[in-house]
PDB file of N, CA and C in Angstrom:
ATOM      1  N   UNK A   1     -41.570  17.466  32.850  1.00  0.00           N
ATOM      2  CA  UNK A   1     -40.879  17.446  34.114  1.00  0.00           C
ATOM      3  C   UNK A   1     -39.394  17.699  33.859  1.00  0.00           C
ATOM      4  N   UNK A   2     -38.827  18.595  34.609  1.00  0.00           N
ATOM      5  CA  UNK A   2     -37.406  18.894  34.448  1.00  0.00           C
ATOM      6  C   UNK A   2     -36.575  17.934  35.282  1.00  0.00           C
ATOM      7  N   UNK A   3     -35.405  17.628  34.780  1.00  0.00           N
ATOM      8  CA  UNK A   3     -34.491  16.750  35.497  1.00  0.00           C
ATOM      9  C   UNK A   3     -33.598  17.616  36.383  1.00  0.00           C
ATOM     10  N   UNK A   4     -33.681  17.382  37.693  1.00  0.00           N
ATOM     11  CA  UNK A   4     -32.903  18.161  38.637  1.00  0.00           C
ATOM     12  C   UNK A   4     -31.573  17.465  38.898  1.00  0.00           C
ATOM     13  N   UNK A   5     -30.505  18.227  38.839  1.00  0.00           N
ATOM     14  CA  UNK A   5     -29.172  17.694  39.118  1.00  0.00           C
ATOM     15  C   UNK A   5     -29.043  17.425  40.618  1.00  0.00           C
ATOM     16  N   UNK A   6     -28.582  16.247  40.970  1.00  0.00           N
ATOM     17  CA  UNK A   6     -28.409  15.891  42.384  1.00  0.00           C
ATOM     18  C   UNK A   6     -26.969  16.165  42.803  1.00  0.00           C
ATOM     19  N   UNK A   7     -26.820  16.653  44.012  1.00  0.00           N
ATOM     20  CA  UNK A   7     -25.490  16.965  44.512  1.00  0.00           C
ATOM     21  C   UNK A   7     -24.782  15.690  44.979  1.00  0.00           C
ATOM     22  N   UNK A   8     -23.494  15.823  45.188  1.00  0.00           N
ATOM     23  CA  UNK A   8     -22.707  14.696  45.685  1.00  0.00           C
ATOM     24  C   UNK A   8     -23.171  14.283  47.069  1.00  0.00           C
ATOM     25  N   UNK A   9     -23.532  15.244  47.892  1.00  0.00           N
ATOM     26  CA  UNK A   9     -24.012  14.937  49.235  1.00  0.00           C
ATOM     27  C   UNK A   9     -25.301  14.128  49.223  1.00  0.00           C
ATOM     28  N   UNK A  10     -26.195  14.429  48.296  1.00  0.00           N
ATOM     29  CA  UNK A  10     -27.437  13.659  48.188  1.00  0.00           C
ATOM     30  C   UNK A  10     -27.155  12.227  47.758  1.00  0.00           C
ATOM     31  N   UNK A  11     -26.207  12.046  46.850  1.00  0.00           N
ATOM     32  CA  UNK A  11     -25.856  10.695  46.409  1.00  0.00           C
ATOM     33  C   UNK A  11     -25.195   9.909  47.539  1.00  0.00           C
ATOM     34  N   UNK A  12     -24.328  10.564  48.308  1.00  0.00           N
ATOM     35  CA  UNK A  12     -23.666   9.886  49.424  1.00  0.00           C
ATOM     36  C   UNK A  12     -24.680   9.482  50.482  1.00  0.00           C
ATOM     37  N   UNK A  13     -25.613  10.379  50.809  1.00  0.00           N
ATOM     38  CA  UNK A  13     -26.605  10.033  51.829  1.00  0.00           C
ATOM     39  C   UNK A  13     -27.518   8.909  51.350  1.00  0.00           C
ATOM     40  N   UNK A  14     -27.817   8.862  50.062  1.00  0.00           N
ATOM     41  CA  UNK A  14     -28.618   7.763  49.526  1.00  0.00           C
ATOM     42  C   UNK A  14     -27.878   6.442  49.682  1.00  0.00           C
ATOM     43  N   UNK A  15     -26.592   6.419  49.363  1.00  0.00           N
ATOM     44  CA  UNK A  15     -25.798   5.194  49.537  1.00  0.00           C
ATOM     45  C   UNK A  15     -25.705   4.782  50.998  1.00  0.00           C
ATOM     46  N   UNK A  16     -25.612   5.754  51.895  1.00  0.00           N
ATOM     47  CA  UNK A  16     -25.578   5.445  53.331  1.00  0.00           C
ATOM     48  C   UNK A  16     -26.895   4.839  53.789  1.00  0.00           C
ATOM     49  N   UNK A  17     -28.021   5.385  53.322  1.00  0.00           N
ATOM     50  CA  UNK A  17     -29.327   4.815  53.664  1.00  0.00           C
ATOM     51  C   UNK A  17     -29.431   3.375  53.178  1.00  0.00           C
ATOM     52  N   UNK A  18     -28.961   3.114  51.958  1.00  0.00           N
ATOM     53  CA  UNK A  18     -29.005   1.754  51.418  1.00  0.00           C
ATOM     54  C   UNK A  18     -28.127   0.817  52.250  1.00  0.00           C
ATOM     55  N   UNK A  19     -26.925   1.260  52.566  1.00  0.00           N
ATOM     56  CA  UNK A  19     -26.009   0.427  53.353  1.00  0.00           C
ATOM     57  C   UNK A  19     -26.549   0.099  54.728  1.00  0.00           C
ATOM     58  N   UNK A  20     -27.091   1.096  55.412  1.00  0.00           N
ATOM     59  CA  UNK A  20     -27.649   0.863  56.748  1.00  0.00           C
ATOM     60  C   UNK A  20     -28.883  -0.027  56.662  1.00  0.00           C
ATOM     61  N   UNK A  21     -29.696   0.157  55.623  1.00  0.00           N
ATOM     62  CA  UNK A  21     -30.878  -0.686  55.461  1.00  0.00           C
ATOM     63  C   UNK A  21     -30.517  -2.152  55.289  1.00  0.00           C
ATOM     64  N   UNK A  22     -29.544  -2.426  54.434  1.00  0.00           N
ATOM     65  CA  UNK A  22     -29.130  -3.818  54.232  1.00  0.00           C
ATOM     66  C   UNK A  22     -28.403  -4.376  55.452  1.00  0.00           C
ATOM     67  N   UNK A  23     -27.650  -3.530  56.155  1.00  0.00           N
ATOM     68  CA  UNK A  23     -26.987  -3.990  57.378  1.00  0.00           C
ATOM     69  C   UNK A  23     -28.029  -4.376  58.422  1.00  0.00           C
ATOM     70  N   UNK A  24     -29.069  -3.567  58.567  1.00  0.00           N
ATOM     71  CA  UNK A  24     -30.133  -3.882  59.535  1.00  0.00           C
ATOM     72  C   UNK A  24     -30.845  -5.186  59.163  1.00  0.00           C
ATOM     73  N   UNK A  25     -31.100  -5.389  57.872  1.00  0.00           N
ATOM     74  CA  UNK A  25     -31.736  -6.639  57.450  1.00  0.00           C
ATOM     75  C   UNK A  25     -30.854  -7.844  57.750  1.00  0.00           C
ATOM     76  N   UNK A  26     -29.576  -7.723  57.481  1.00  0.00           N
ATOM     77  CA  UNK A  26     -28.657  -8.822  57.761  1.00  0.00           C
ATOM     78  C   UNK A  26     -28.540  -9.121  59.236  1.00  0.00           C
ATOM     79  N   UNK A  27     -28.520  -8.082  60.060  1.00  0.00           N
ATOM     80  CA  UNK A  27     -28.433  -8.265  61.496  1.00  0.00           C
ATOM     81  C   UNK A  27     -29.734  -8.841  62.040  1.00  0.00           C
ATOM     82  N   UNK A  28     -30.861  -8.477  61.447  1.00  0.00           N
ATOM     83  CA  UNK A  28     -32.163  -8.976  61.907  1.00  0.00           C
ATOM     84  C   UNK A  28     -32.284 -10.480  61.716  1.00  0.00           C
ATOM     85  N   UNK A  29     -31.599 -11.029  60.728  1.00  0.00           N
ATOM     86  CA  UNK A  29     -31.674 -12.469  60.494  1.00  0.00           C
ATOM     87  C   UNK A  29     -31.059 -13.270  61.635  1.00  0.00           C
ATOM     88  N   UNK A  30     -30.070 -12.704  62.320  1.00  0.00           N
ATOM     89  CA  UNK A  30     -29.385 -13.413  63.396  1.00  0.00           C
ATOM     90  C   UNK A  30     -29.860 -12.996  64.788  1.00  0.00           C
ATOM     91  N   UNK A  31     -30.726 -12.011  64.893  1.00  0.00           N
ATOM     92  CA  UNK A  31     -31.132 -11.461  66.185  1.00  0.00           C
ATOM     93  C   UNK A  31     -32.333 -12.224  66.744  1.00  0.00           C
ATOM     94  N   UNK A  32     -32.494 -12.192  68.075  1.00  0.00           N
ATOM     95  CA  UNK A  32     -33.695 -12.783  68.677  1.00  0.00           C
ATOM     96  C   UNK A  32     -34.940 -11.961  68.316  1.00  0.00           C
ATOM     97  N   UNK A  33     -36.116 -12.540  68.529  1.00  0.00           N
ATOM     98  CA  UNK A  33     -37.363 -11.992  68.019  1.00  0.00           C
ATOM     99  C   UNK A  33     -37.644 -10.521  68.331  1.00  0.00           C
ATOM    100  N   UNK A  34     -37.668 -10.036  69.547  1.00  0.00           N
ATOM    101  CA  UNK A  34     -38.054  -8.622  69.713  1.00  0.00           C
ATOM    102  C   UNK A  34     -37.080  -7.673  69.005  1.00  0.00           C
ATOM    103  N   UNK A  35     -35.814  -8.010  69.059  1.00  0.00           N
ATOM    104  CA  UNK A  35     -34.802  -7.168  68.432  1.00  0.00           C
ATOM    105  C   UNK A  35     -34.890  -7.249  66.910  1.00  0.00           C
ATOM    106  N   UNK A  36     -35.175  -8.421  66.379  1.00  0.00           N
ATOM    107  CA  UNK A  36     -35.235  -8.556  64.920  1.00  0.00           C
ATOM    108  C   UNK A  36     -36.406  -7.769  64.335  1.00  0.00           C
ATOM    109  N   UNK A  37     -37.528  -7.711  65.040  1.00  0.00           N
ATOM    110  CA  UNK A  37     -38.671  -6.937  64.540  1.00  0.00           C
ATOM    111  C   UNK A  37     -38.324  -5.458  64.466  1.00  0.00           C
ATOM    112  N   UNK A  38     -37.632  -4.961  65.463  1.00  0.00           N
ATOM    113  CA  UNK A  38     -37.225  -3.560  65.465  1.00  0.00           C
ATOM    114  C   UNK A  38     -36.196  -3.290  64.366  1.00  0.00           C
ATOM    115  N   UNK A  39     -35.274  -4.204  64.159  1.00  0.00           N
ATOM    116  CA  UNK A  39     -34.279  -4.039  63.105  1.00  0.00           C
ATOM    117  C   UNK A  39     -34.912  -4.070  61.714  1.00  0.00           C
ATOM    118  N   UNK A  40     -35.926  -4.896  61.537  1.00  0.00           N
ATOM    119  CA  UNK A  40     -36.626  -4.928  60.246  1.00  0.00           C
ATOM    120  C   UNK A  40     -37.354  -3.612  60.018  1.00  0.00           C
ATOM    121  N   UNK A  41     -37.946  -3.060  61.053  1.00  0.00           N
ATOM    122  CA  UNK A  41     -38.600  -1.758  60.939  1.00  0.00           C
ATOM    123  C   UNK A  41     -37.584  -0.668  60.583  1.00  0.00           C
ATOM    124  N   UNK A  42     -36.427  -0.696  61.224  1.00  0.00           N
ATOM    125  CA  UNK A  42     -35.372   0.274  60.916  1.00  0.00           C
ATOM    126  C   UNK A  42     -34.854   0.082  59.483  1.00  0.00           C
ATOM    127  N   UNK A  43     -34.736  -1.163  59.052  1.00  0.00           N
ATOM    128  CA  UNK A  43     -34.291  -1.428  57.681  1.00  0.00           C
ATOM    129  C   UNK A  43     -35.290  -0.875  56.678  1.00  0.00           C
ATOM    130  N   UNK A  44     -36.573  -1.072  56.943  1.00  0.00           N
ATOM    131  CA  UNK A  44     -37.605  -0.549  56.049  1.00  0.00           C
ATOM    132  C   UNK A  44     -37.537   0.979  55.981  1.00  0.00           C
ATOM    133  N   UNK A  45     -37.348   1.613  57.133  1.00  0.00           N
ATOM    134  CA  UNK A  45     -37.264   3.079  57.155  1.00  0.00           C
ATOM    135  C   UNK A  45     -36.019   3.570  56.409  1.00  0.00           C
ATOM    136  N   UNK A  46     -34.914   2.894  56.564  1.00  0.00           N
ATOM    137  CA  UNK A  46     -33.687   3.300  55.867  1.00  0.00           C
ATOM    138  C   UNK A  46     -33.799   3.106  54.366  1.00  0.00           C
ATOM    139  N   UNK A  47     -34.384   1.996  53.958  1.00  0.00           N
ATOM    140  CA  UNK A  47     -34.536   1.765  52.519  1.00  0.00           C
ATOM    141  C   UNK A  47     -35.564   2.727  51.922  1.00  0.00           C
ATOM    142  N   UNK A  48     -36.579   3.096  52.691  1.00  0.00           N
ATOM    143  CA  UNK A  48     -37.517   4.115  52.220  1.00  0.00           C
ATOM    144  C   UNK A  48     -36.811   5.468  52.121  1.00  0.00           C
ATOM    145  N   UNK A  49     -35.894   5.730  53.041  1.00  0.00           N
ATOM    146  CA  UNK A  49     -35.112   6.959  52.978  1.00  0.00           C
ATOM    147  C   UNK A  49     -34.222   7.002  51.757  1.00  0.00           C
ATOM    148  N   UNK A  50     -33.737   5.842  51.342  1.00  0.00           N
ATOM    149  CA  UNK A  50     -32.903   5.826  50.139  1.00  0.00           C
ATOM    150  C   UNK A  50     -33.734   6.085  48.882  1.00  0.00           C
ATOM    151  N   UNK A  51     -35.020   5.801  48.953  1.00  0.00           N
ATOM    152  CA  UNK A  51     -35.912   6.033  47.813  1.00  0.00           C
ATOM    153  C   UNK A  51     -36.708   7.328  47.977  1.00  0.00           C
ATOM    154  N   UNK A  52     -36.224   8.228  48.798  1.00  0.00           N
ATOM    155  CA  UNK A  52     -36.985   9.444  49.117  1.00  0.00           C
ATOM    156  C   UNK A  52     -37.264  10.307  47.895  1.00  0.00           C
ATOM    157  N   UNK A  53     -36.351  10.351  46.947  1.00  0.00           N
ATOM    158  CA  UNK A  53     -36.578  11.161  45.752  1.00  0.00           C
ATOM    159  C   UNK A  53     -37.666  10.536  44.868  1.00  0.00           C
ATOM    160  N   UNK A  54     -37.642   9.217  44.760  1.00  0.00           N
ATOM    161  CA  UNK A  54     -38.676   8.533  43.979  1.00  0.00           C
ATOM    162  C   UNK A  54     -40.043   8.676  44.632  1.00  0.00           C
ATOM    163  N   UNK A  55     -40.085   8.563  45.956  1.00  0.00           N
ATOM    164  CA  UNK A  55     -41.349   8.696  46.683  1.00  0.00           C
ATOM    165  C   UNK A  55     -41.894  10.111  46.538  1.00  0.00           C
ATOM    166  N   UNK A  56     -41.035  11.104  46.645  1.00  0.00           N
ATOM    167  CA  UNK A  56     -41.477  12.494  46.509  1.00  0.00           C
ATOM    168  C   UNK A  56     -42.010  12.758  45.107  1.00  0.00           C
ATOM    169  N   UNK A  57     -41.344  12.198  44.091  1.00  0.00           N
ATOM    170  CA  UNK A  57     -41.810  12.376  42.721  1.00  0.00           C
ATOM    171  C   UNK A  57     -43.171  11.728  42.495  1.00  0.00           C
ATOM    172  N   UNK A  58     -43.382  10.571  43.129  1.00  0.00           N
ATOM    173  CA  UNK A  58     -44.666   9.875  42.990  1.00  0.00           C
ATOM    174  C   UNK A  58     -45.790  10.689  43.623  1.00  0.00           C
ATOM    175  N   UNK A  59     -45.521  11.333  44.749  1.00  0.00           N
ATOM    176  CA  UNK A  59     -46.541  12.148  45.402  1.00  0.00           C
ATOM    177  C   UNK A  59     -46.768  13.472  44.672  1.00  0.00           C
ATOM    178  N   UNK A  60     -45.773  13.961  43.962  1.00  0.00           N
ATOM    179  CA  UNK A  60     -45.950  15.186  43.194  1.00  0.00           C
ATOM    180  C   UNK A  60     -46.894  14.994  42.021  1.00  0.00           C
ATOM    181  N   UNK A  61     -46.900  13.805  41.455  1.00  0.00           N
ATOM    182  CA  UNK A  61     -47.740  13.517  40.287  1.00  0.00           C
ATOM    183  C   UNK A  61     -49.214  13.392  40.650  1.00  0.00           C
ATOM    184  N   UNK A  62     -49.508  13.007  41.877  1.00  0.00           N
ATOM    185  CA  UNK A  62     -50.912  12.808  42.252  1.00  0.00           C
ATOM    186  C   UNK A  62     -51.575  14.088  42.661  1.00  0.00           C
TER     187      UNK A  62
END
């Protein structure tokens, strides 16, 4: 497997996904129930977005 060089933009977007994911988790702890469930879902999606390269690599191997 070759190692692909990642651009600065890809690294910045990964950090943004991580930041938004953790912000959503932190906000979900203080939010009322219907809103907290939606924020947890958004946090999961953002953190999955930050791991998009790892997820894509895992699917390429199968």
